[in-house]
PDB file of N, CA and C in Angstrom:
ATOM      1  N   MET A   1     -18.284   3.437 252.941  1.00  0.00           N
ATOM      2  CA  MET A   1     -18.597   2.626 251.773  1.00  0.00           C
ATOM      3  C   MET A   1     -17.699   1.938 251.006  1.00  0.00           C
ATOM      4  N   GLN A   2     -18.752   0.842 250.706  1.00  0.00           N
ATOM      5  CA  GLN A   2     -17.974  -0.421 250.112  1.00  0.00           C
ATOM      6  C   GLN A   2     -17.821  -0.225 248.714  1.00  0.00           C
ATOM      7  N   HIS A   3     -16.873  -0.937 248.559  1.00  0.00           N
ATOM      8  CA  HIS A   3     -16.059  -1.037 246.807  1.00  0.00           C
ATOM      9  C   HIS A   3     -16.311  -2.409 246.796  1.00  0.00           C
ATOM     10  N   LEU A   4     -16.780  -2.656 245.319  1.00  0.00           N
ATOM     11  CA  LEU A   4     -16.965  -4.086 244.770  1.00  0.00           C
ATOM     12  C   LEU A   4     -16.846  -4.267 243.110  1.00  0.00           C
ATOM     13  N   PRO A   5     -15.902  -5.152 242.876  1.00  0.00           N
ATOM     14  CA  PRO A   5     -15.405  -5.364 241.467  1.00  0.00           C
ATOM     15  C   PRO A   5     -16.730  -5.826 241.096  1.00  0.00           C
ATOM     16  N   PRO A   6     -16.610  -5.369 239.311  1.00  0.00           N
ATOM     17  CA  PRO A   6     -18.007  -6.071 239.060  1.00  0.00           C
ATOM     18  C   PRO A   6     -18.207  -7.412 238.810  1.00  0.00           C
ATOM     19  N   SER A   7     -17.128  -8.363 239.012  1.00  0.00           N
ATOM     20  CA  SER A   7     -17.256  -9.603 238.822  1.00  0.00           C
ATOM     21  C   SER A   7     -18.369 -10.547 240.645  1.00  0.00           C
ATOM     22  N   GLN A   8     -18.219  -9.291 241.196  1.00  0.00           N
ATOM     23  CA  GLN A   8     -19.063  -9.431 242.959  1.00  0.00           C
ATOM     24  C   GLN A   8     -20.199  -8.884 243.073  1.00  0.00           C
ATOM     25  N   VAL A   9     -20.564  -7.941 241.771  1.00  0.00           N
ATOM     26  CA  VAL A   9     -21.882  -7.503 242.159  1.00  0.00           C
ATOM     27  C   VAL A   9     -23.143  -8.233 242.482  1.00  0.00           C
ATOM     28  N   GLU A  10     -23.289  -8.947 241.432  1.00  0.00           N
ATOM     29  CA  GLU A  10     -24.192 -10.140 241.448  1.00  0.00           C
ATOM     30  C   GLU A  10     -24.538 -10.947 242.297  1.00  0.00           C
ATOM     31  N   THR A  11     -23.259 -11.506 242.928  1.00  0.00           N
ATOM     32  CA  THR A  11     -23.737 -11.979 244.455  1.00  0.00           C
ATOM     33  C   THR A  11     -23.931 -11.237 245.083  1.00  0.00           C
ATOM     34  N   TRP A  12     -23.203  -9.981 245.535  1.00  0.00           N
ATOM     35  CA  TRP A  12     -23.785  -8.779 246.466  1.00  0.00           C
ATOM     36  C   TRP A  12     -25.340  -8.647 246.168  1.00  0.00           C
ATOM     37  N   ALA A  13     -25.740  -8.573 245.600  1.00  0.00           N
ATOM     38  CA  ALA A  13     -27.329  -8.244 245.014  1.00  0.00           C
ATOM     39  C   ALA A  13     -27.935  -9.666 245.112  1.00  0.00           C
ATOM     40  N   SER A  14     -27.496 -10.510 245.279  1.00  0.00           N
ATOM     41  CA  SER A  14     -28.338 -11.988 245.149  1.00  0.00           C
ATOM     42  C   SER A  14     -28.814 -11.979 247.249  1.00  0.00           C
ATOM     43  N   THR A  15     -27.574 -11.306 247.525  1.00  0.00           N
ATOM     44  CA  THR A  15     -27.591 -11.165 249.148  1.00  0.00           C
ATOM     45  C   THR A  15     -28.443 -10.090 249.847  1.00  0.00           C
ATOM     46  N   GLN A  16     -29.057  -9.242 249.378  1.00  0.00           N
ATOM     47  CA  GLN A  16     -29.754  -7.788 249.967  1.00  0.00           C
ATOM     48  C   GLN A  16     -31.054  -8.364 249.797  1.00  0.00           C
ATOM     49  N   GLU A  17     -32.081  -8.176 251.005  1.00  0.00           N
ATOM     50  CA  GLU A  17     -33.721  -7.888 251.046  1.00  0.00           C
ATOM     51  C   GLU A  17     -34.535  -7.688 250.141  1.00  0.00           C
ATOM     52  N   GLN A  18     -33.606  -6.422 249.489  1.00  0.00           N
ATOM     53  CA  GLN A  18     -34.402  -5.655 248.578  1.00  0.00           C
ATOM     54  C   GLN A  18     -33.945  -5.851 247.191  1.00  0.00           C
ATOM     55  N   ARG A  19     -34.540  -5.894 245.988  1.00  0.00           N
ATOM     56  CA  ARG A  19     -33.863  -5.810 244.439  1.00  0.00           C
ATOM     57  C   ARG A  19     -32.883  -4.617 244.578  1.00  0.00           C
ATOM     58  N   PRO A  20     -31.444  -4.754 243.733  1.00  0.00           N
ATOM     59  CA  PRO A  20     -30.685  -3.716 244.077  1.00  0.00           C
ATOM     60  C   PRO A  20     -31.402  -2.780 242.959  1.00  0.00           C
ATOM     61  N   VAL A  21     -30.815  -1.581 242.495  1.00  0.00           N
ATOM     62  CA  VAL A  21     -30.641  -0.807 241.519  1.00  0.00           C
ATOM     63  C   VAL A  21     -29.239  -0.689 241.321  1.00  0.00           C
ATOM     64  N   LEU A  22     -28.905  -0.760 239.854  1.00  0.00           N
ATOM     65  CA  LEU A  22     -27.436  -0.509 239.360  1.00  0.00           C
ATOM     66  C   LEU A  22     -28.065   1.029 238.557  1.00  0.00           C
ATOM     67  N   LEU A  23     -27.201   1.662 239.357  1.00  0.00           N
ATOM     68  CA  LEU A  23     -27.857   3.425 238.967  1.00  0.00           C
ATOM     69  C   LEU A  23     -26.317   3.550 238.065  1.00  0.00           C
ATOM     70  N   ASP A  24     -26.504   4.321 237.100  1.00  0.00           N
ATOM     71  CA  ASP A  24     -25.251   4.010 235.763  1.00  0.00           C
ATOM     72  C   ASP A  24     -25.300   5.637 235.892  1.00  0.00           C
ATOM     73  N   VAL A  25     -24.389   6.264 236.116  1.00  0.00           N
ATOM     74  CA  VAL A  25     -24.301   7.675 236.130  1.00  0.00           C
ATOM     75  C   VAL A  25     -23.645   8.602 235.165  1.00  0.00           C
ATOM     76  N   ARG A  26     -23.242   7.405 233.919  1.00  0.00           N
ATOM     77  CA  ARG A  26     -22.451   7.902 233.025  1.00  0.00           C
ATOM     78  C   ARG A  26     -23.215   9.051 232.299  1.00  0.00           C
ATOM     79  N   GLU A  27     -23.217   9.801 231.463  1.00  0.00           N
ATOM     80  CA  GLU A  27     -24.165  10.402 230.455  1.00  0.00           C
ATOM     81  C   GLU A  27     -24.823   9.713 229.305  1.00  0.00           C
ATOM     82  N   ALA A  28     -25.895  10.342 228.709  1.00  0.00           N
ATOM     83  CA  ALA A  28     -26.612   9.419 227.950  1.00  0.00           C
ATOM     84  C   ALA A  28     -25.504   8.664 226.560  1.00  0.00           C
ATOM     85  N   TRP A  29     -24.639   9.413 226.245  1.00  0.00           N
ATOM     86  CA  TRP A  29     -24.081   8.993 225.039  1.00  0.00           C
ATOM     87  C   TRP A  29     -23.071   8.025 225.461  1.00  0.00           C
ATOM     88  N   GLU A  30     -22.492   8.148 226.735  1.00  0.00           N
ATOM     89  CA  GLU A  30     -21.821   6.564 227.095  1.00  0.00           C
ATOM     90  C   GLU A  30     -22.576   5.201 227.061  1.00  0.00           C
ATOM     91  N   LEU A  31     -23.873   5.783 227.918  1.00  0.00           N
ATOM     92  CA  LEU A  31     -24.507   4.527 227.930  1.00  0.00           C
ATOM     93  C   LEU A  31     -25.101   4.062 226.736  1.00  0.00           C
ATOM     94  N   GLN A  32     -25.085   4.967 225.560  1.00  0.00           N
ATOM     95  CA  GLN A  32     -25.282   4.229 224.442  1.00  0.00           C
ATOM     96  C   GLN A  32     -24.460   3.916 223.492  1.00  0.00           C
ATOM     97  N   GLN A  33     -23.007   4.220 224.073  1.00  0.00           N
ATOM     98  CA  GLN A  33     -21.767   3.276 223.797  1.00  0.00           C
ATOM     99  C   GLN A  33     -21.717   2.415 224.256  1.00  0.00           C
ATOM    100  N   ALA A  34     -21.661   1.915 225.469  1.00  0.00           N
ATOM    101  CA  ALA A  34     -21.788   0.523 226.653  1.00  0.00           C
ATOM    102  C   ALA A  34     -22.580   0.315 227.416  1.00  0.00           C
ATOM    103  N   SER A  35     -23.262  -0.765 227.635  1.00  0.00           N
ATOM    104  CA  SER A  35     -24.336  -0.776 229.079  1.00  0.00           C
ATOM    105  C   SER A  35     -24.107  -2.156 229.817  1.00  0.00           C
ATOM    106  N   ALA A  36     -24.237  -2.151 230.673  1.00  0.00           N
ATOM    107  CA  ALA A  36     -24.289  -3.277 231.711  1.00  0.00           C
ATOM    108  C   ALA A  36     -25.096  -4.035 231.724  1.00  0.00           C
ATOM    109  N   LYS A  37     -25.596  -5.380 231.213  1.00  0.00           N
ATOM    110  CA  LYS A  37     -27.060  -6.180 232.161  1.00  0.00           C
ATOM    111  C   LYS A  37     -26.981  -6.951 233.020  1.00  0.00           C
ATOM    112  N   PRO A  38     -27.644  -6.197 234.147  1.00  0.00           N
ATOM    113  CA  PRO A  38     -27.202  -7.255 234.989  1.00  0.00           C
ATOM    114  C   PRO A  38     -28.611  -7.949 235.410  1.00  0.00           C
ATOM    115  N   GLY A  39     -28.256  -9.272 236.040  1.00  0.00           N
ATOM    116  CA  GLY A  39     -29.289 -10.222 236.150  1.00  0.00           C
ATOM    117  C   GLY A  39     -30.307 -10.031 237.455  1.00  0.00           C
ATOM    118  N   ASN A  40     -29.366  -9.735 238.441  1.00  0.00           N
ATOM    119  CA  ASN A  40     -30.271  -9.398 239.896  1.00  0.00           C
ATOM    120  C   ASN A  40     -30.294  -8.235 240.138  1.00  0.00           C
ATOM    121  N   LEU A  41     -30.057  -6.992 239.360  1.00  0.00           N
ATOM    122  CA  LEU A  41     -30.169  -5.653 239.771  1.00  0.00           C
ATOM    123  C   LEU A  41     -31.100  -5.026 238.552  1.00  0.00           C
ATOM    124  N   ASP A  42     -31.904  -3.886 238.891  1.00  0.00           N
ATOM    125  CA  ASP A  42     -32.774  -3.098 237.641  1.00  0.00           C
ATOM    126  C   ASP A  42     -31.678  -1.798 237.328  1.00  0.00           C
ATOM    127  N   LEU A  43     -31.587  -1.654 236.408  1.00  0.00           N
ATOM    128  CA  LEU A  43     -30.758  -0.527 235.634  1.00  0.00           C
ATOM    129  C   LEU A  43     -31.512   0.553 235.454  1.00  0.00           C
ATOM    130  N   VAL A  44     -30.741   1.826 236.341  1.00  0.00           N
ATOM    131  CA  VAL A  44     -31.456   2.757 236.425  1.00  0.00           C
ATOM    132  C   VAL A  44     -30.654   4.375 235.826  1.00  0.00           C
ATOM    133  N   HIS A  45     -30.784   4.775 234.336  1.00  0.00           N
ATOM    134  CA  HIS A  45     -29.686   5.800 234.218  1.00  0.00           C
ATOM    135  C   HIS A  45     -30.327   7.230 235.023  1.00  0.00           C
ATOM    136  N   MET A  46     -29.254   7.869 235.545  1.00  0.00           N
ATOM    137  CA  MET A  46     -29.226   8.787 236.114  1.00  0.00           C
ATOM    138  C   MET A  46     -27.486   9.480 236.293  1.00  0.00           C
ATOM    139  N   PRO A  47     -27.287  10.531 234.836  1.00  0.00           N
ATOM    140  CA  PRO A  47     -26.202  11.304 234.872  1.00  0.00           C
ATOM    141  C   PRO A  47     -26.059  11.930 236.085  1.00  0.00           C
ATOM    142  N   MET A  48     -24.851  11.775 236.148  1.00  0.00           N
ATOM    143  CA  MET A  48     -23.917  12.120 237.753  1.00  0.00           C
ATOM    144  C   MET A  48     -24.462  13.980 238.133  1.00  0.00           C
ATOM    145  N   HIS A  49     -24.465  14.506 236.979  1.00  0.00           N
ATOM    146  CA  HIS A  49     -24.872  16.516 237.383  1.00  0.00           C
ATOM    147  C   HIS A  49     -26.399  16.308 237.674  1.00  0.00           C
ATOM    148  N   THR A  50     -27.190  15.175 237.474  1.00  0.00           N
ATOM    149  CA  THR A  50     -29.241  15.474 237.775  1.00  0.00           C
ATOM    150  C   THR A  50     -29.279  14.515 238.907  1.00  0.00           C
ATOM    151  N   VAL A  51     -28.400  13.611 239.610  1.00  0.00           N
ATOM    152  CA  VAL A  51     -28.484  13.200 241.015  1.00  0.00           C
ATOM    153  C   VAL A  51     -29.127  13.967 242.106  1.00  0.00           C
ATOM    154  N   PRO A  52     -28.806  15.280 242.416  1.00  0.00           N
ATOM    155  CA  PRO A  52     -29.218  15.611 243.199  1.00  0.00           C
ATOM    156  C   PRO A  52     -30.559  16.275 243.130  1.00  0.00           C
ATOM    157  N   ALA A  53     -30.994  16.656 242.075  1.00  0.00           N
ATOM    158  CA  ALA A  53     -32.190  17.434 241.755  1.00  0.00           C
ATOM    159  C   ALA A  53     -33.224  15.557 241.446  1.00  0.00           C
ATOM    160  N   ARG A  54     -32.704  14.403 241.176  1.00  0.00           N
ATOM    161  CA  ARG A  54     -33.656  13.420 241.215  1.00  0.00           C
ATOM    162  C   ARG A  54     -33.531  12.457 242.283  1.00  0.00           C
ATOM    163  N   LEU A  55     -33.020  13.008 243.567  1.00  0.00           N
ATOM    164  CA  LEU A  55     -32.434  12.407 244.315  1.00  0.00           C
ATOM    165  C   LEU A  55     -34.210  11.276 244.875  1.00  0.00           C
ATOM    166  N   HIS A  56     -35.163  12.087 244.815  1.00  0.00           N
ATOM    167  CA  HIS A  56     -36.221  11.561 245.197  1.00  0.00           C
ATOM    168  C   HIS A  56     -36.828  10.060 244.188  1.00  0.00           C
ATOM    169  N   GLU A  57     -36.179  10.022 243.462  1.00  0.00           N
ATOM    170  CA  GLU A  57     -36.715   9.309 242.587  1.00  0.00           C
ATOM    171  C   GLU A  57     -36.077   7.179 242.421  1.00  0.00           C
ATOM    172  N   LEU A  58     -34.955   7.467 243.403  1.00  0.00           N
ATOM    173  CA  LEU A  58     -34.291   6.687 244.426  1.00  0.00           C
ATOM    174  C   LEU A  58     -34.915   5.961 245.394  1.00  0.00           C
ATOM    175  N   ASP A  59     -35.472   4.926 245.758  1.00  0.00           N
ATOM    176  CA  ASP A  59     -36.385   4.284 246.683  1.00  0.00           C
ATOM    177  C   ASP A  59     -34.888   3.716 247.657  1.00  0.00           C
ATOM    178  N   ARG A  60     -35.248   4.805 249.072  1.00  0.00           N
ATOM    179  CA  ARG A  60     -34.296   4.467 250.098  1.00  0.00           C
ATOM    180  C   ARG A  60     -34.373   3.103 250.451  1.00  0.00           C
ATOM    181  N   THR A  61     -35.153   2.194 250.169  1.00  0.00           N
ATOM    182  CA  THR A  61     -35.188   0.959 250.935  1.00  0.00           C
ATOM    183  C   THR A  61     -34.772  -0.083 250.249  1.00  0.00           C
ATOM    184  N   ARG A  62     -34.391   0.448 248.569  1.00  0.00           N
ATOM    185  CA  ARG A  62     -33.183  -0.348 248.111  1.00  0.00           C
ATOM    186  C   ARG A  62     -31.907  -0.149 247.835  1.00  0.00           C
ATOM    187  N   PRO A  63     -31.311  -1.345 247.982  1.00  0.00           N
ATOM    188  CA  PRO A  63     -29.899  -1.014 247.595  1.00  0.00           C
ATOM    189  C   PRO A  63     -29.357  -0.306 246.504  1.00  0.00           C
ATOM    190  N   VAL A  64     -28.436   0.327 246.294  1.00  0.00           N
ATOM    191  CA  VAL A  64     -27.684   0.915 245.292  1.00  0.00           C
ATOM    192  C   VAL A  64     -26.485   0.276 245.040  1.00  0.00           C
ATOM    193  N   ALA A  65     -26.182   0.066 243.466  1.00  0.00           N
ATOM    194  CA  ALA A  65     -24.626  -0.134 243.330  1.00  0.00           C
ATOM    195  C   ALA A  65     -24.611   1.035 242.332  1.00  0.00           C
ATOM    196  N   CYS A  66     -23.566   2.093 242.223  1.00  0.00           N
ATOM    197  CA  CYS A  66     -23.275   2.964 241.229  1.00  0.00           C
ATOM    198  C   CYS A  66     -22.267   2.738 240.817  1.00  0.00           C
ATOM    199  N   LEU A  67     -22.537   3.004 239.252  1.00  0.00           N
ATOM    200  CA  LEU A  67     -21.599   2.779 238.168  1.00  0.00           C
ATOM    201  C   LEU A  67     -21.339   3.605 237.265  1.00  0.00           C
ATOM    202  N   CYS A  68     -20.240   4.033 236.509  1.00  0.00           N
ATOM    203  CA  CYS A  68     -19.746   4.932 235.831  1.00  0.00           C
ATOM    204  C   CYS A  68     -18.716   4.324 234.639  1.00  0.00           C
ATOM    205  N   HIS A  69     -17.753   5.318 233.695  1.00  0.00           N
ATOM    206  CA  HIS A  69     -16.756   4.633 233.108  1.00  0.00           C
ATOM    207  C   HIS A  69     -15.687   3.739 233.737  1.00  0.00           C
ATOM    208  N   HIS A  70     -15.246   4.800 234.620  1.00  0.00           N
ATOM    209  CA  HIS A  70     -13.972   4.095 235.189  1.00  0.00           C
ATOM    210  C   HIS A  70     -13.608   3.744 236.811  1.00  0.00           C
ATOM    211  N   GLY A  71     -14.916   4.361 237.513  1.00  0.00           N
ATOM    212  CA  GLY A  71     -15.340   4.841 239.036  1.00  0.00           C
ATOM    213  C   GLY A  71     -15.315   5.227 239.914  1.00  0.00           C
ATOM    214  N   GLY A  72     -15.056   6.673 238.821  1.00  0.00           N
ATOM    215  CA  GLY A  72     -14.433   7.561 239.802  1.00  0.00           C
ATOM    216  C   GLY A  72     -15.626   8.482 240.023  1.00  0.00           C
ATOM    217  N   ARG A  73     -16.518   8.761 238.961  1.00  0.00           N
ATOM    218  CA  ARG A  73     -17.777   9.436 238.830  1.00  0.00           C
ATOM    219  C   ARG A  73     -18.803   8.713 240.472  1.00  0.00           C
ATOM    220  N   SER A  74     -19.143   7.595 240.005  1.00  0.00           N
ATOM    221  CA  SER A  74     -19.760   6.623 240.618  1.00  0.00           C
ATOM    222  C   SER A  74     -19.431   6.640 242.333  1.00  0.00           C
ATOM    223  N   MET A  75     -17.690   7.007 242.447  1.00  0.00           N
ATOM    224  CA  MET A  75     -17.181   6.927 244.070  1.00  0.00           C
ATOM    225  C   MET A  75     -18.231   8.271 244.504  1.00  0.00           C
ATOM    226  N   GLN A  76     -18.456   9.190 243.791  1.00  0.00           N
ATOM    227  CA  GLN A  76     -18.458  10.889 244.443  1.00  0.00           C
ATOM    228  C   GLN A  76     -19.980  10.333 244.870  1.00  0.00           C
ATOM    229  N   VAL A  77     -20.817   9.958 243.633  1.00  0.00           N
ATOM    230  CA  VAL A  77     -22.101   9.747 243.653  1.00  0.00           C
ATOM    231  C   VAL A  77     -22.569   8.914 244.872  1.00  0.00           C
ATOM    232  N   ALA A  78     -21.987   7.701 244.885  1.00  0.00           N
ATOM    233  CA  ALA A  78     -22.115   6.474 246.000  1.00  0.00           C
ATOM    234  C   ALA A  78     -21.942   7.223 247.673  1.00  0.00           C
ATOM    235  N   GLY A  79     -20.701   8.508 247.729  1.00  0.00           N
ATOM    236  CA  GLY A  79     -20.559   8.781 248.626  1.00  0.00           C
ATOM    237  C   GLY A  79     -21.717   9.945 248.924  1.00  0.00           C
ATOM    238  N   PHE A  80     -22.145  10.585 248.138  1.00  0.00           N
ATOM    239  CA  PHE A  80     -23.331  11.570 248.271  1.00  0.00           C
ATOM    240  C   PHE A  80     -24.900  10.860 248.252  1.00  0.00           C
ATOM    241  N   LEU A  81     -24.710   9.761 247.757  1.00  0.00           N
ATOM    242  CA  LEU A  81     -26.197   8.932 248.577  1.00  0.00           C
ATOM    243  C   LEU A  81     -26.014   7.712 250.065  1.00  0.00           C
ATOM    244  N   GLU A  82     -25.004   7.547 250.318  1.00  0.00           N
ATOM    245  CA  GLU A  82     -24.552   7.428 251.548  1.00  0.00           C
ATOM    246  C   GLU A  82     -24.599   8.134 252.717  1.00  0.00           C
ATOM    247  N   HIS A  83     -24.098   9.361 252.349  1.00  0.00           N
ATOM    248  CA  HIS A  83     -24.522  10.598 253.057  1.00  0.00           C
ATOM    249  C   HIS A  83     -25.927  10.914 253.379  1.00  0.00           C
ATOM    250  N   HIS A  84     -26.767  10.553 252.652  1.00  0.00           N
ATOM    251  CA  HIS A  84     -27.977  10.989 252.209  1.00  0.00           C
ATOM    252  C   HIS A  84     -29.302   9.543 253.208  1.00  0.00           C
ATOM    253  N   GLY A  85     -28.420   8.350 253.528  1.00  0.00           N
ATOM    254  CA  GLY A  85     -29.120   7.179 254.220  1.00  0.00           C
ATOM    255  C   GLY A  85     -28.949   6.277 252.555  1.00  0.00           C
ATOM    256  N   TYR A  86     -28.680   6.017 252.033  1.00  0.00           N
ATOM    257  CA  TYR A  86     -28.409   4.708 251.368  1.00  0.00           C
ATOM    258  C   TYR A  86     -27.815   3.885 251.593  1.00  0.00           C
ATOM    259  N   ASN A  87     -28.364   2.514 251.059  1.00  0.00           N
ATOM    260  CA  ASN A  87     -27.564   1.664 250.778  1.00  0.00           C
ATOM    261  C   ASN A  87     -26.672   1.397 249.803  1.00  0.00           C
ATOM    262  N   VAL A  88     -25.542   1.862 249.901  1.00  0.00           N
ATOM    263  CA  VAL A  88     -24.823   1.902 248.698  1.00  0.00           C
ATOM    264  C   VAL A  88     -23.374   1.032 248.492  1.00  0.00           C
ATOM    265  N   ILE A  89     -22.865   0.614 247.354  1.00  0.00           N
ATOM    266  CA  ILE A  89     -21.856   0.349 247.254  1.00  0.00           C
ATOM    267  C   ILE A  89     -21.088   0.895 245.348  1.00  0.00           C
ATOM    268  N   ASN A  90     -19.929   1.116 245.291  1.00  0.00           N
ATOM    269  CA  ASN A  90     -19.392   1.658 244.427  1.00  0.00           C
ATOM    270  C   ASN A  90     -18.829   0.687 243.453  1.00  0.00           C
ATOM    271  N   VAL A  91     -19.420   0.111 242.369  1.00  0.00           N
ATOM    272  CA  VAL A  91     -18.573  -0.885 241.274  1.00  0.00           C
ATOM    273  C   VAL A  91     -16.970  -0.057 240.801  1.00  0.00           C
ATOM    274  N   SER A  92     -16.185  -0.459 241.841  1.00  0.00           N
ATOM    275  CA  SER A  92     -14.909  -0.271 241.134  1.00  0.00           C
ATOM    276  C   SER A  92     -14.616  -0.625 239.651  1.00  0.00           C
ATOM    277  N   GLY A  93     -13.909   0.244 239.371  1.00  0.00           N
ATOM    278  CA  GLY A  93     -13.524   0.229 237.747  1.00  0.00           C
ATOM    279  C   GLY A  93     -14.309   0.421 236.337  1.00  0.00           C
ATOM    280  N   GLY A  94     -15.986   0.528 237.188  1.00  0.00           N
ATOM    281  CA  GLY A  94     -16.958   0.783 236.002  1.00  0.00           C
ATOM    282  C   GLY A  94     -17.220   0.163 235.202  1.00  0.00           C
ATOM    283  N   ILE A  95     -17.826   0.404 234.024  1.00  0.00           N
ATOM    284  CA  ILE A  95     -18.102  -0.169 232.703  1.00  0.00           C
ATOM    285  C   ILE A  95     -16.654  -0.922 232.225  1.00  0.00           C
ATOM    286  N   HIS A  96     -15.940   0.013 232.065  1.00  0.00           N
ATOM    287  CA  HIS A  96     -14.701  -0.767 231.934  1.00  0.00           C
ATOM    288  C   HIS A  96     -14.286  -1.706 232.060  1.00  0.00           C
ATOM    289  N   ALA A  97     -14.346  -2.170 233.385  1.00  0.00           N
ATOM    290  CA  ALA A  97     -13.726  -3.484 234.241  1.00  0.00           C
ATOM    291  C   ALA A  97     -15.046  -4.410 233.927  1.00  0.00           C
ATOM    292  N   TRP A  98     -16.352  -3.594 233.849  1.00  0.00           N
ATOM    293  CA  TRP A  98     -17.475  -4.762 233.697  1.00  0.00           C
ATOM    294  C   TRP A  98     -17.484  -5.623 232.236  1.00  0.00           C
ATOM    295  N   ALA A  99     -16.790  -4.868 231.467  1.00  0.00           N
ATOM    296  CA  ALA A  99     -16.490  -5.677 230.120  1.00  0.00           C
ATOM    297  C   ALA A  99     -15.586  -6.643 230.214  1.00  0.00           C
ATOM    298  N   ALA A 100     -14.368  -6.388 230.942  1.00  0.00           N
ATOM    299  CA  ALA A 100     -13.449  -7.178 231.554  1.00  0.00           C
ATOM    300  C   ALA A 100     -13.640  -8.448 232.448  1.00  0.00           C
ATOM    301  N   GLN A 101     -14.295  -8.308 232.868  1.00  0.00           N
ATOM    302  CA  GLN A 101     -14.573  -8.992 234.303  1.00  0.00           C
ATOM    303  C   GLN A 101     -15.883  -9.918 233.887  1.00  0.00           C
ATOM    304  N   VAL A 102     -17.085  -9.209 233.319  1.00  0.00           N
ATOM    305  CA  VAL A 102     -18.290  -9.943 233.393  1.00  0.00           C
ATOM    306  C   VAL A 102     -18.792  -9.985 232.045  1.00  0.00           C
ATOM    307  N   ASP A 103     -19.078  -9.118 231.249  1.00  0.00           N
ATOM    308  CA  ASP A 103     -19.417  -9.136 229.794  1.00  0.00           C
ATOM    309  C   ASP A 103     -18.221  -8.594 228.878  1.00  0.00           C
ATOM    310  N   PRO A 104     -17.664  -9.592 228.449  1.00  0.00           N
ATOM    311  CA  PRO A 104     -16.673  -9.203 227.269  1.00  0.00           C
ATOM    312  C   PRO A 104     -17.626  -8.835 225.823  1.00  0.00           C
ATOM    313  N   SER A 105     -18.824  -8.893 225.779  1.00  0.00           N
ATOM    314  CA  SER A 105     -19.685  -8.462 224.648  1.00  0.00           C
ATOM    315  C   SER A 105     -19.482  -6.948 224.570  1.00  0.00           C
ATOM    316  N   ILE A 106     -19.456  -6.331 225.684  1.00  0.00           N
ATOM    317  CA  ILE A 106     -19.764  -4.929 226.135  1.00  0.00           C
ATOM    318  C   ILE A 106     -18.260  -3.974 225.277  1.00  0.00           C
ATOM    319  N   PRO A 107     -18.580  -2.977 224.706  1.00  0.00           N
ATOM    320  CA  PRO A 107     -17.348  -2.607 224.228  1.00  0.00           C
ATOM    321  C   PRO A 107     -16.978  -1.586 225.215  1.00  0.00           C
ATOM    322  N   THR A 108     -15.692  -1.456 224.909  1.00  0.00           N
ATOM    323  CA  THR A 108     -14.825  -0.267 225.748  1.00  0.00           C
ATOM    324  C   THR A 108     -14.670   0.835 225.133  1.00  0.00           C
ATOM    325  N   TYR A 109     -14.839   2.032 225.455  1.00  0.00           N
ATOM    326  CA  TYR A 109     -14.599   3.447 224.986  1.00  0.00           C
ATOM    327  C   TYR A 109     -13.584   3.978 225.571  1.00  0.00           C
TER     328      TYR A 109
END
């Protein structure tokens, strides 16, 4: 599985054949606290515990970048998706790093 810092996610997205999904696996309250606004990816919110039951909602032909708070949950989900045949990366450092590297207007929590 590939790990990319948030500062490289948009570049990665621009090299994909299909428009990627930024899969935010945090809880709803976390998404309300802080959310990424990616330009080259479609944001999809799917809390980690719902991913197995909702796997059918993700298009296997589209690359997926997994995002959480600091990178731990998203790494687990990325491994799960990779095991199921998805083209996936983990966003290292999560939304916390995204705020530091890409968009300082995103609040940290």
